[in-house]
Amino acid sequence: MTLSIPNEIHKQMKHFSEVKWSEIARKAIIEKLELLQLAEKLASKSKLTEEDVAAFNKKIKTSATKRFLG
């Protein structure tokens, strides 16, 4: 897998070369998958409409993005 990183972010990452950035990305991906799987599981057991699920999913994505990039 290849990730696209803006040049400015890449420069900042290079400054902290001791950090294993691939490990950080791997953990973030795993956490995101766990959130999505939880949302899917909850949605399958609920009486929510697809629109409700989409809105819930968007809120999760926004929250996760703020946490990881925030």
N, C-alpha and C. Protein backbone atom coordinates (compact mmCIF):
# COMPACT_ATOMS: atom_id res chain seq x y z
N MET A 1 0.85 -1.17 0.00
CA MET A 1 0.00 0.00 0.00
C MET A 1 0.90 1.23 0.00
N THR A 2 0.51 2.21 -0.75
CA THR A 2 1.25 3.47 -0.79
C THR A 2 0.32 4.57 -0.30
N LEU A 3 0.82 5.40 0.59
CA LEU A 3 0.04 6.53 1.10
C LEU A 3 0.56 7.83 0.50
N SER A 4 -0.34 8.69 0.17
CA SER A 4 0.03 10.00 -0.34
C SER A 4 0.08 10.98 0.84
N ILE A 5 1.25 11.57 1.06
CA ILE A 5 1.45 12.50 2.16
C ILE A 5 1.86 13.85 1.57
N PRO A 6 1.19 14.93 1.97
CA PRO A 6 1.61 16.25 1.48
C PRO A 6 3.08 16.52 1.86
N ASN A 7 3.78 17.25 1.00
CA ASN A 7 5.20 17.52 1.22
C ASN A 7 5.50 18.12 2.58
N GLU A 8 4.70 19.06 3.02
CA GLU A 8 4.95 19.71 4.31
C GLU A 8 4.84 18.69 5.47
N ILE A 9 3.86 17.82 5.39
CA ILE A 9 3.71 16.79 6.42
C ILE A 9 4.91 15.83 6.36
N HIS A 10 5.33 15.48 5.16
CA HIS A 10 6.47 14.58 5.00
C HIS A 10 7.74 15.18 5.61
N LYS A 11 7.94 16.47 5.41
CA LYS A 11 9.10 17.15 6.01
C LYS A 11 9.05 17.06 7.53
N GLN A 12 7.87 17.29 8.09
CA GLN A 12 7.71 17.22 9.54
C GLN A 12 7.96 15.79 10.04
N MET A 13 7.50 14.82 9.29
CA MET A 13 7.71 13.43 9.67
C MET A 13 9.20 13.08 9.66
N LYS A 14 9.92 13.59 8.67
CA LYS A 14 11.36 13.33 8.58
C LYS A 14 12.10 13.86 9.81
N HIS A 15 11.59 14.96 10.34
CA HIS A 15 12.21 15.55 11.53
C HIS A 15 12.19 14.55 12.69
N PHE A 16 11.17 13.72 12.74
CA PHE A 16 11.03 12.71 13.79
C PHE A 16 11.30 11.33 13.18
N SER A 17 12.47 11.16 12.63
CA SER A 17 12.81 9.95 11.90
C SER A 17 12.82 8.70 12.78
N GLU A 18 12.90 8.88 14.09
CA GLU A 18 12.91 7.72 14.98
C GLU A 18 11.53 7.09 15.11
N VAL A 19 10.50 7.80 14.70
CA VAL A 19 9.14 7.29 14.77
C VAL A 19 8.91 6.31 13.62
N LYS A 20 8.30 5.20 13.93
CA LYS A 20 7.96 4.21 12.90
C LYS A 20 6.60 4.59 12.32
N TRP A 21 6.62 5.43 11.29
CA TRP A 21 5.40 5.98 10.73
C TRP A 21 4.51 4.90 10.13
N SER A 22 5.09 3.86 9.58
CA SER A 22 4.26 2.80 9.02
C SER A 22 3.46 2.12 10.13
N GLU A 23 4.05 2.02 11.33
CA GLU A 23 3.34 1.44 12.46
C GLU A 23 2.18 2.35 12.90
N ILE A 24 2.41 3.64 12.89
CA ILE A 24 1.36 4.61 13.22
C ILE A 24 0.20 4.48 12.24
N ALA A 25 0.54 4.40 10.95
CA ALA A 25 -0.50 4.27 9.92
C ALA A 25 -1.24 2.94 10.08
N ARG A 26 -0.51 1.87 10.34
CA ARG A 26 -1.13 0.56 10.51
C ARG A 26 -2.13 0.57 11.66
N LYS A 27 -1.73 1.16 12.79
CA LYS A 27 -2.62 1.23 13.95
C LYS A 27 -3.85 2.08 13.66
N ALA A 28 -3.66 3.18 12.95
CA ALA A 28 -4.79 4.04 12.60
C ALA A 28 -5.78 3.30 11.69
N ILE A 29 -5.25 2.53 10.76
CA ILE A 29 -6.11 1.76 9.86
C ILE A 29 -6.89 0.71 10.64
N ILE A 30 -6.21 0.02 11.54
CA ILE A 30 -6.88 -1.00 12.36
C ILE A 30 -7.98 -0.37 13.20
N GLU A 31 -7.69 0.76 13.84
CA GLU A 31 -8.71 1.44 14.66
C GLU A 31 -9.90 1.86 13.82
N LYS A 32 -9.64 2.36 12.63
CA LYS A 32 -10.72 2.78 11.74
C LYS A 32 -11.58 1.59 11.34
N LEU A 33 -10.93 0.48 11.00
CA LEU A 33 -11.67 -0.73 10.65
C LEU A 33 -12.53 -1.20 11.81
N GLU A 34 -11.99 -1.16 13.02
CA GLU A 34 -12.77 -1.57 14.19
C GLU A 34 -13.99 -0.68 14.38
N LEU A 35 -13.83 0.62 14.18
CA LEU A 35 -14.97 1.54 14.30
C LEU A 35 -16.03 1.24 13.23
N LEU A 36 -15.57 1.02 12.02
CA LEU A 36 -16.52 0.74 10.93
C LEU A 36 -17.23 -0.60 11.15
N GLN A 37 -16.50 -1.60 11.63
CA GLN A 37 -17.12 -2.89 11.91
C GLN A 37 -18.14 -2.78 13.03
N LEU A 38 -17.81 -1.99 14.05
CA LEU A 38 -18.76 -1.77 15.14
C LEU A 38 -20.01 -1.08 14.62
N ALA A 39 -19.82 -0.06 13.82
CA ALA A 39 -20.97 0.66 13.25
C ALA A 39 -21.82 -0.27 12.40
N GLU A 40 -21.17 -1.11 11.63
CA GLU A 40 -21.90 -2.06 10.78
C GLU A 40 -22.68 -3.06 11.63
N LYS A 41 -22.05 -3.54 12.69
CA LYS A 41 -22.72 -4.49 13.59
C LYS A 41 -23.93 -3.85 14.26
N LEU A 42 -23.73 -2.64 14.76
CA LEU A 42 -24.84 -1.93 15.40
C LEU A 42 -25.97 -1.67 14.41
N ALA A 43 -25.59 -1.28 13.21
CA ALA A 43 -26.60 -0.97 12.19
C ALA A 43 -27.39 -2.21 11.79
N SER A 44 -26.74 -3.35 11.75
CA SER A 44 -27.44 -4.56 11.34
C SER A 44 -28.47 -5.01 12.37
N LYS A 45 -28.28 -4.61 13.62
CA LYS A 45 -29.19 -5.01 14.69
C LYS A 45 -30.24 -3.93 15.00
N SER A 46 -30.11 -2.80 14.34
CA SER A 46 -31.00 -1.70 14.69
C SER A 46 -32.13 -1.56 13.66
N LYS A 47 -33.01 -0.65 13.97
CA LYS A 47 -34.11 -0.36 13.06
C LYS A 47 -33.87 0.95 12.32
N LEU A 48 -32.61 1.37 12.32
CA LEU A 48 -32.27 2.61 11.63
C LEU A 48 -32.43 2.45 10.12
N THR A 49 -32.72 3.54 9.46
CA THR A 49 -32.78 3.53 8.00
C THR A 49 -31.36 3.63 7.45
N GLU A 50 -31.21 3.40 6.16
CA GLU A 50 -29.88 3.54 5.54
C GLU A 50 -29.38 4.97 5.66
N GLU A 51 -30.28 5.94 5.62
CA GLU A 51 -29.88 7.34 5.78
C GLU A 51 -29.35 7.57 7.20
N ASP A 52 -29.99 6.98 8.19
CA ASP A 52 -29.52 7.09 9.57
C ASP A 52 -28.12 6.49 9.71
N VAL A 53 -27.92 5.35 9.11
CA VAL A 53 -26.62 4.67 9.17
C VAL A 53 -25.56 5.51 8.48
N ALA A 54 -25.89 6.09 7.34
CA ALA A 54 -24.93 6.93 6.62
C ALA A 54 -24.54 8.15 7.46
N ALA A 55 -25.51 8.76 8.12
CA ALA A 55 -25.22 9.91 8.97
C ALA A 55 -24.35 9.51 10.15
N PHE A 56 -24.65 8.36 10.75
CA PHE A 56 -23.86 7.84 11.87
C PHE A 56 -22.43 7.55 11.41
N ASN A 57 -22.29 6.93 10.27
CA ASN A 57 -20.99 6.61 9.72
C ASN A 57 -20.18 7.88 9.46
N LYS A 58 -20.84 8.90 8.95
CA LYS A 58 -20.16 10.18 8.69
C LYS A 58 -19.66 10.79 9.99
N LYS A 59 -20.46 10.72 11.04
CA LYS A 59 -20.05 11.25 12.34
C LYS A 59 -18.84 10.49 12.88
N ILE A 60 -18.84 9.18 12.70
CA ILE A 60 -17.70 8.37 13.15
C ILE A 60 -16.45 8.75 12.38
N LYS A 61 -16.58 8.89 11.08
CA LYS A 61 -15.43 9.25 10.25
C LYS A 61 -14.89 10.61 10.65
N THR A 62 -15.77 11.56 10.87
CA THR A 62 -15.36 12.90 11.26
C THR A 62 -14.64 12.87 12.61
N SER A 63 -15.21 12.15 13.54
CA SER A 63 -14.61 12.03 14.87
C SER A 63 -13.23 11.37 14.80
N ALA A 64 -13.13 10.30 14.04
CA ALA A 64 -11.86 9.59 13.92
C ALA A 64 -10.82 10.47 13.22
N THR A 65 -11.25 11.19 12.19
CA THR A 65 -10.33 12.07 11.47
C THR A 65 -9.80 13.15 12.40
N LYS A 66 -10.67 13.76 13.18
CA LYS A 66 -10.24 14.79 14.13
C LYS A 66 -9.26 14.21 15.14
N ARG A 67 -9.53 12.99 15.58
CA ARG A 67 -8.66 12.37 16.59
C ARG A 67 -7.30 12.06 16.00
N PHE A 68 -7.26 11.53 14.78
CA PHE A 68 -6.00 11.11 14.18
C PHE A 68 -5.22 12.28 13.59
N LEU A 69 -5.91 13.26 13.08
CA LEU A 69 -5.24 14.39 12.44
C LEU A 69 -5.24 15.65 13.29
N GLY A 70 -6.07 15.62 14.32
CA GLY A 70 -6.37 16.74 15.13
C GLY A 70 -5.39 17.42 15.88
